[in-house]
Protein backbone atom coordinates (compact mmCIF):
# COMPACT_ATOMS: atom_id res chain seq x y z
CA MET A 1 127.96 173.67 118.64
CA SER A 2 130.31 171.40 120.49
CA GLY A 3 127.73 171.17 123.29
CA LYS A 4 125.05 169.90 120.87
CA ILE A 5 127.42 167.26 119.47
CA ALA A 6 128.26 166.07 122.96
CA PHE A 7 124.55 165.84 123.78
CA ILE A 8 123.86 163.79 120.64
CA LEU A 9 126.73 161.41 121.40
CA THR A 10 125.39 161.00 124.93
CA LEU A 11 121.93 160.13 123.58
CA ARG A 12 123.50 157.59 121.21
CA ASP A 13 125.01 155.73 124.15
CA ASP A 14 121.81 155.75 126.20
CA PRO A 15 120.33 152.16 126.31
CA LYS A 16 116.75 153.46 126.10
CA VAL A 17 117.60 155.46 123.00
CA GLN A 18 119.31 152.42 121.44
CA LEU A 19 116.19 150.30 122.03
CA MET A 20 113.98 152.98 120.49
CA LEU A 21 116.24 153.21 117.43
CA ARG A 22 116.13 149.42 116.92
CA LYS A 23 112.33 149.48 117.04
CA LEU A 24 112.28 152.31 114.51
CA ILE A 25 114.57 150.40 112.14
CA PHE A 26 112.40 147.30 112.45
CA LEU A 27 109.22 149.27 111.64
CA VAL A 28 110.87 150.82 108.58
CA TRP A 29 111.96 147.36 107.40
CA ILE A 30 108.44 145.95 107.86
CA SER A 31 106.98 148.80 105.78
CA PHE A 32 109.04 147.64 102.78
CA LEU A 33 107.81 144.02 102.88
CA PRO A 34 104.79 144.59 100.58
CA VAL A 35 107.13 146.07 98.00
CA LEU A 36 109.41 143.05 98.27
CA GLY A 37 106.48 140.62 98.02
CA LEU A 38 107.22 139.16 101.45
CA ALA A 39 104.43 140.63 103.51
CA GLU A 40 101.97 137.74 103.39
CA VAL A 41 103.87 134.80 104.84
CA GLN A 42 101.40 132.01 105.53
CA SER A 43 101.74 130.11 108.78
CA GLU A 44 102.43 126.40 108.37
CA SER A 45 99.81 124.07 109.81
CA MET A 46 100.43 120.51 110.92
CA PRO A 47 98.87 117.89 108.63
CA PRO A 48 96.11 115.78 110.16
CA SER A 49 97.05 112.39 111.56
CA ILE A 50 96.70 109.67 108.94
CA VAL A 51 94.68 106.59 109.81
CA LEU A 52 95.55 103.76 107.45
CA PRO A 53 92.97 101.28 106.11
CA ALA A 54 92.30 98.24 108.28
CA GLU A 55 93.29 95.94 105.40
CA ALA A 56 96.86 96.29 104.17
CA ASN A 57 97.50 96.97 100.50
CA PRO A 58 99.71 94.19 99.09
CA HIS A 59 101.70 96.87 97.25
CA TRP A 60 102.75 98.55 100.47
CA VAL A 61 106.36 97.99 101.44
CA TRP A 62 108.19 98.38 104.75
CA VAL A 63 111.74 99.69 104.34
CA ASN A 64 113.71 98.78 107.46
CA ASP A 65 116.65 100.96 108.48
CA ILE A 66 119.27 99.98 111.07
CA VAL A 67 120.59 103.58 110.86
CA PHE A 68 124.32 102.85 111.05
CA HIS A 69 124.99 106.58 111.62
CA HIS A 70 123.24 106.45 115.01
CA MET A 71 122.18 102.88 115.72
CA ALA A 72 120.18 103.67 118.86
CA ASP A 73 117.42 105.07 116.64
CA GLY A 74 116.28 102.38 114.19
CA LYS A 75 113.40 103.13 111.83
CA SER A 76 110.90 101.35 109.64
CA TYR A 77 109.25 103.32 106.82
CA LEU A 78 105.97 102.40 105.12
CA LEU A 79 105.45 103.37 101.47
CA ASP A 80 102.79 102.77 98.83
CA GLY A 81 104.40 101.09 95.83
CA ASP A 82 101.60 102.18 93.48
CA THR A 83 102.09 105.89 94.14
CA GLY A 84 105.45 106.19 95.85
CA LYS A 85 103.67 107.98 98.70
CA PHE A 86 105.13 107.91 102.20
CA LEU A 87 102.51 106.51 104.60
CA GLY A 88 104.18 106.42 107.99
CA MET A 89 107.10 105.42 110.18
CA LEU A 90 107.89 103.40 113.29
CA SER A 91 110.71 104.25 115.70
CA THR A 92 112.22 100.88 116.57
CA GLY A 93 115.23 101.26 118.88
CA LEU A 94 118.82 100.04 118.84
CA GLY A 95 120.19 97.59 116.27
CA PHE A 96 116.81 97.24 114.57
CA ILE A 97 116.50 94.34 112.12
CA ALA A 98 112.94 93.84 110.84
CA LEU A 99 109.26 93.68 111.74
CA ALA A 100 107.12 90.58 112.20
CA LEU A 101 103.98 90.89 110.05
CA PRO A 102 101.14 88.40 110.72
CA SER A 103 98.98 87.18 107.86
CA ASP A 104 95.89 89.07 109.08
CA TYR A 105 97.91 92.28 109.65
CA ALA A 106 95.87 92.93 112.81
CA GLN A 107 99.04 93.82 114.72
CA ILE A 108 102.63 94.66 113.91
CA TYR A 109 105.30 93.08 116.11
CA SER A 110 108.79 94.51 116.47
CA PRO A 111 111.77 93.02 118.38
CA GLU A 112 113.52 96.06 119.89
CA THR A 113 116.38 96.98 122.25
CA TYR A 114 116.75 100.04 124.50
CA PHE A 115 119.25 101.30 127.07
CA SER A 116 118.19 103.30 130.13
CA ARG A 117 120.67 106.09 129.30
CA GLY A 118 120.19 106.04 125.55
CA THR A 119 123.53 104.55 124.56
CA ARG A 120 124.45 103.04 127.93
CA GLY A 121 122.88 101.82 131.14
CA GLU A 122 120.54 98.91 131.74
CA ARG A 123 119.53 97.06 128.57
CA THR A 124 115.91 96.09 127.96
CA ASP A 125 114.77 93.94 125.03
CA VAL A 126 111.08 93.97 124.16
CA ILE A 127 108.57 92.85 121.60
CA THR A 128 106.54 95.99 120.87
CA PHE A 129 102.96 95.68 119.61
CA TYR A 130 101.86 98.37 117.13
CA ASP A 131 98.43 99.30 115.84
CA PRO A 132 98.80 98.95 112.04
CA ARG A 133 96.24 101.70 111.34
CA GLU A 134 97.69 104.51 113.45
CA LEU A 135 101.23 103.06 113.85
CA LYS A 136 101.10 103.63 117.60
CA PRO A 137 102.44 101.23 120.25
CA THR A 138 99.73 99.33 122.10
CA GLY A 139 101.84 97.21 124.43
CA GLU A 140 105.05 95.26 124.87
CA VAL A 141 106.48 92.04 126.22
CA ILE A 142 109.91 92.07 127.87
CA ILE A 143 112.26 89.31 126.69
CA PRO A 144 115.81 88.37 127.81
CA PRO A 145 118.35 91.07 126.80
CA LYS A 146 120.05 88.76 124.32
CA ARG A 147 118.41 89.53 120.97
CA PHE A 148 120.89 89.10 118.13
CA ALA A 149 121.53 92.29 116.18
CA ALA A 150 123.91 92.12 113.23
CA MET A 151 123.76 92.77 109.49
CA PRO A 152 119.98 92.44 109.03
CA THR A 153 118.22 89.41 107.62
CA LEU A 154 114.56 88.46 107.90
CA ASN A 155 115.37 85.14 109.57
CA TYR A 156 116.55 86.43 112.97
CA SER A 157 112.95 86.27 114.19
CA ALA A 158 109.75 84.74 112.84
CA LEU A 159 106.15 83.84 113.56
CA THR A 160 104.74 80.34 113.74
CA ASP A 161 102.47 79.54 110.80
CA ASP A 162 99.33 80.32 112.82
CA ASP A 163 100.82 83.64 114.04
CA ARG A 164 100.41 82.56 117.69
CA PHE A 165 104.07 82.58 118.77
CA LEU A 166 107.06 84.74 117.91
CA MET A 167 110.56 83.24 118.08
CA VAL A 168 113.58 85.52 118.49
CA TYR A 169 117.14 84.32 117.91
CA ASN A 170 119.67 85.15 120.67
CA PHE A 171 123.47 85.27 120.51
CA THR A 172 125.67 86.13 123.52
CA PRO A 173 127.71 84.20 121.91
CA ALA A 174 125.71 81.28 123.35
CA GLN A 175 122.83 80.54 120.98
CA SER A 176 119.21 80.27 122.07
CA ILE A 177 115.63 81.15 121.16
CA SER A 178 113.21 83.36 123.11
CA ILE A 179 109.52 82.51 122.60
CA VAL A 180 106.63 84.96 123.07
CA ASP A 181 102.93 84.11 123.21
CA LEU A 182 101.39 86.90 121.15
CA LYS A 183 97.80 86.07 122.03
CA GLU A 184 98.39 86.26 125.78
CA ARG A 185 101.17 88.85 125.44
CA ARG A 186 103.62 87.03 127.65
CA PHE A 187 107.16 85.68 127.52
CA VAL A 188 106.99 81.87 127.40
CA GLY A 189 110.63 80.98 127.89
CA GLU A 190 114.08 80.56 126.41
CA THR A 191 115.64 77.38 125.05
CA ASP A 192 119.30 76.67 124.22
CA THR A 193 120.09 75.82 120.60
CA GLY A 194 123.88 75.54 120.68
CA GLY A 195 125.45 75.47 117.22
CA CYS A 196 122.23 76.42 115.42
CA ALA A 197 120.97 79.85 114.34
CA LEU A 198 118.09 81.69 112.61
CA VAL A 199 114.36 80.94 112.76
CA LEU A 200 112.75 79.07 109.86
CA PRO A 201 109.04 78.31 110.56
CA SER A 202 107.68 74.96 109.40
CA GLY A 203 104.25 74.69 111.00
CA ASP A 204 101.92 75.95 113.70
CA ARG A 205 104.10 74.46 116.43
CA ARG A 206 107.38 73.79 114.67
CA PHE A 207 110.39 75.65 113.31
CA ASN A 208 113.88 74.86 112.05
CA MET A 209 117.30 76.37 112.63
CA LEU A 210 120.42 76.28 110.45
CA CYS A 211 123.38 74.55 112.11
CA GLY A 212 127.10 74.93 111.59
CA ASP A 213 127.64 71.40 110.28
CA GLY A 214 125.19 71.85 107.39
CA SER A 215 122.21 70.30 109.17
CA LEU A 216 118.87 71.63 110.40
CA LEU A 217 117.60 71.55 113.97
CA THR A 218 113.87 70.88 114.24
CA VAL A 219 112.20 72.43 117.31
CA THR A 220 108.67 71.40 118.33
CA LEU A 221 106.38 73.40 120.65
CA ASN A 222 103.23 72.53 122.55
CA ASP A 223 100.10 74.68 122.65
CA LYS A 224 101.61 76.78 125.44
CA GLY A 225 104.65 77.58 123.32
CA GLU A 226 106.94 75.40 125.42
CA VAL A 227 109.65 73.36 123.67
CA THR A 228 108.82 69.66 123.76
CA ASN A 229 111.43 68.30 121.38
CA GLN A 230 114.63 69.20 119.53
CA GLN A 231 116.11 66.96 116.87
CA ARG A 232 119.21 67.47 114.76
CA ASN A 233 118.92 66.17 111.20
CA ASP A 234 121.50 65.00 108.68
CA PRO A 235 123.46 67.71 106.83
CA PHE A 236 121.92 68.80 103.52
CA PHE A 237 124.96 70.74 102.26
CA ASP A 238 128.72 70.64 102.82
CA PRO A 239 129.85 73.72 104.79
CA LYS A 240 133.46 73.14 103.73
CA THR A 241 132.85 73.25 99.99
CA ASP A 242 129.52 75.01 99.32
CA TRP A 243 128.21 77.06 102.25
CA VAL A 244 124.65 78.37 101.95
CA THR A 245 123.77 81.94 102.87
CA GLU A 246 121.47 82.74 105.80
CA LYS A 247 118.99 84.51 103.49
CA ALA A 248 116.72 81.58 102.67
CA VAL A 249 113.17 82.19 101.39
CA ARG A 250 110.11 79.99 101.82
CA TRP A 251 108.00 78.60 98.98
CA ASP A 252 104.92 76.99 100.52
CA ASP A 253 106.40 74.11 102.58
CA THR A 254 109.85 74.31 101.02
CA TRP A 255 112.72 76.47 102.21
CA ILE A 256 114.97 77.59 99.36
CA PHE A 257 118.61 77.98 100.35
CA VAL A 258 121.20 79.38 97.92
CA SER A 259 124.92 78.97 98.37
CA PHE A 260 127.65 81.55 97.83
CA ASN A 261 128.50 79.55 94.71
CA ALA A 262 124.94 80.04 93.34
CA ASN A 263 123.65 76.51 93.96
CA VAL A 264 120.06 75.98 95.13
CA TYR A 265 119.30 73.62 98.02
CA PRO A 266 115.54 73.05 98.49
CA VAL A 267 114.34 71.52 101.77
CA ASP A 268 110.77 70.24 102.26
CA VAL A 269 109.61 70.98 105.83
CA SER A 270 106.01 69.75 105.55
CA GLY A 271 106.68 66.67 107.67
CA LYS A 272 108.05 66.18 111.16
CA GLN A 273 111.54 65.92 109.72
CA PRO A 274 112.92 68.02 106.83
CA LYS A 275 113.55 66.32 103.49
CA PRO A 276 116.30 67.83 101.30
CA GLY A 277 115.68 67.93 97.56
CA LYS A 278 118.17 67.61 94.74
CA PRO A 279 120.47 70.67 94.45
CA TRP A 280 120.60 72.63 91.19
CA SER A 281 122.51 75.65 89.88
CA LEU A 282 121.36 79.20 89.18
CA LEU A 283 124.12 79.52 86.57
CA SER A 284 124.88 78.13 83.16
CA ALA A 285 128.43 77.08 82.42
CA ALA A 286 129.03 80.39 80.60
CA GLU A 287 127.57 82.45 83.44
CA ARG A 288 129.68 80.60 85.99
CA LYS A 289 132.77 81.22 83.85
CA GLY A 290 131.80 84.91 83.79
CA SER A 291 131.98 85.01 87.62
CA TRP A 292 128.29 85.73 88.16
CA ARG A 293 127.01 85.12 91.68
CA PRO A 294 124.31 86.26 94.13
CA GLY A 295 125.12 88.96 96.64
CA GLY A 296 123.77 91.70 98.87
CA ILE A 297 121.95 92.04 102.17
CA GLN A 298 118.66 90.54 100.93
CA HIS A 299 119.56 88.86 97.66
CA LEU A 300 116.54 86.56 97.33
CA ALA A 301 112.82 87.19 96.91
CA LEU A 302 110.03 84.79 96.05
CA HIS A 303 106.60 85.08 94.46
CA GLU A 304 104.69 82.11 95.79
CA GLN A 305 101.71 82.10 93.40
CA SER A 306 103.91 81.84 90.30
CA GLY A 307 106.68 79.83 91.91
CA LYS A 308 109.29 82.34 90.77
CA LEU A 309 112.56 82.99 92.56
CA TYR A 310 114.20 86.42 92.15
CA SER A 311 117.95 86.59 92.73
CA LEU A 312 120.09 89.74 92.90
CA MET A 313 123.23 89.07 90.85
CA HIS A 314 126.64 90.64 90.26
CA GLN A 315 129.98 89.70 88.77
CA GLY A 316 132.74 89.15 91.30
CA GLY A 317 135.16 86.73 92.86
CA ASP A 318 135.22 84.92 96.16
CA ASP A 319 134.13 86.89 99.23
CA THR A 320 132.01 89.36 97.23
CA HIS A 321 128.74 87.99 98.63
CA LYS A 322 127.90 91.35 100.22
CA ASP A 323 128.47 93.32 97.01
CA PRO A 324 125.50 95.10 95.40
CA GLY A 325 124.07 94.01 92.09
CA GLN A 326 122.27 95.68 89.21
CA ASP A 327 120.76 92.53 87.74
CA VAL A 328 117.83 90.46 89.02
CA TRP A 329 117.56 87.01 87.48
CA VAL A 330 114.23 85.20 87.67
CA TYR A 331 113.83 81.41 87.94
CA ASP A 332 110.94 79.00 87.57
CA LEU A 333 111.31 76.82 90.66
CA LYS A 334 109.31 73.92 89.26
CA ALA A 335 111.28 73.84 86.03
CA LYS A 336 114.53 74.79 87.82
CA LYS A 337 115.54 77.15 85.06
CA GLN A 338 116.10 80.84 84.40
CA VAL A 339 113.17 82.57 82.69
CA GLN A 340 114.00 86.29 82.81
CA LYS A 341 116.70 88.88 83.46
CA ILE A 342 115.84 92.34 84.81
CA LYS A 343 118.29 95.23 84.60
CA LEU A 344 117.81 97.55 87.56
CA GLU A 345 117.97 101.34 87.31
CA ASN A 346 120.41 101.49 90.24
CA LEU A 347 122.67 99.23 92.23
CA ALA A 348 120.84 97.35 94.97
CA THR A 349 121.63 95.34 98.08
CA SER A 350 118.05 94.29 98.84
CA ILE A 351 115.09 93.11 96.77
CA GLN A 352 111.53 92.09 97.61
CA VAL A 353 108.43 91.05 95.67
CA SER A 354 104.82 91.73 96.70
CA LYS A 355 102.53 88.78 97.42
CA ASP A 356 99.60 89.49 95.07
CA ASN A 357 98.72 88.33 91.56
CA ASN A 358 100.07 91.50 89.96
CA PRO A 359 103.33 91.74 91.90
CA LEU A 360 105.75 94.62 92.23
CA LEU A 361 109.51 94.21 92.54
CA PHE A 362 111.24 96.55 95.00
CA SER A 363 114.97 97.24 95.21
CA ILE A 364 117.15 99.50 97.35
CA PHE A 365 120.86 100.10 98.08
CA ILE A 366 122.10 100.58 101.64
CA ALA A 367 124.52 103.30 100.47
CA ASN A 368 121.95 105.21 98.38
CA PRO A 369 118.49 105.22 99.97
CA THR A 370 116.38 105.40 96.80
CA LEU A 371 113.57 102.85 96.54
CA ASP A 372 113.09 101.63 92.97
CA ILE A 373 109.78 100.02 92.01
CA TYR A 374 109.22 97.72 89.01
CA SER A 375 106.61 95.44 87.56
CA ALA A 376 107.79 92.03 88.73
CA GLY A 377 106.23 90.45 85.65
CA SER A 378 107.65 92.61 82.87
CA GLY A 379 110.60 94.09 84.74
CA LYS A 380 109.54 97.59 83.68
CA HIS A 381 110.71 100.40 85.96
CA LEU A 382 107.64 102.23 87.28
CA ARG A 383 108.92 104.84 89.72
CA SER A 384 111.58 105.75 92.26
CA VAL A 385 111.31 107.32 95.71
CA ASP A 386 114.35 109.22 96.99
CA GLU A 387 115.73 109.73 100.50
CA ILE A 388 114.20 106.75 102.29
CA GLY A 389 116.04 106.79 105.59
CA PHE A 390 119.78 106.55 106.11
CA THR A 391 120.98 102.95 105.64
CA PRO A 392 118.01 100.89 104.40
CA THR A 393 118.42 97.15 104.75
CA VAL A 394 115.67 94.53 104.40
CA LEU A 395 112.35 95.08 102.67
CA GLN A 396 109.00 93.54 103.73
CA THR A 397 105.59 93.40 102.07
CA PRO A 398 102.37 92.61 103.98
């Protein structure tokens, strides 16, 4: 008897026997799957590649994400505001700010930064060209490795009014502009703009920049995209008493600046030199006493057809201009008065309005990536889309 036990123990330690026993156990387990309802596990197939329509839907929205958790991997997400459906994504590199969307939507342009070793090594800044139907890169233009990347705003780069040239703001901390010819896909050159920042288009061959003394710099280009003239204009606001934010929006030929103290400074840029209009306040005396003020990453949006300005508002003291808001106040720019208040479903740091005659209002909070969608006319909440990226910043509509 002891001999049989020893033989069995010897078999148990034999590697071949162990392998055979494991196979037997596996076959027994498989035989029970039909009983457990797990036998028919369907294989997952990849969905077909989506080809988007050639003409953009005005209710699409690009949600740009600087991805603060891992900034080398910026993203831009495209969603349909009418359905909440996710349509596609672009991978946009380090310190991503926003896309440049031409009026014909024939291309998508993206100022991007990459390092040869991912997070270190040689830096390369490019303007990447994307096919808007398949969201695939079709080319790039290398620009000086100076592109400014900070808390995102739409005015760090911009297209001329005819979509021929793209201007990109640089900060090293020396200030300059890089200019790219999009038709010929070439870098035109760089021009110094000391003391002046941002890119505010004002014509086919002209743009403005906001300067530290409260003035605007007007930059004129020739048909090759070369700078032919720079002229500093008189200040239109006092930077010591009522500093405007960098988040201006354009209404036809007028740039609308809003100060931290909720005062509006319109500037007409239709001529060779900008013409400031008369400032006015977003707030009544009671609202100002209640400490209401604009704030957020993208606190202004504009619907050009109706001439309505949308402002994200919150209650707070000095230095709360980055705070989120849950109110959007709407203003008639011609009448210079408030016409509506919209209570948002969630706190928001960015708002945007679509450009059609039946506009949607979009809002999102950098700390809670849920895109909320409203009727911009009635203010009615229509739908929400959860988990849009990591740290969503500025919103863009084609």
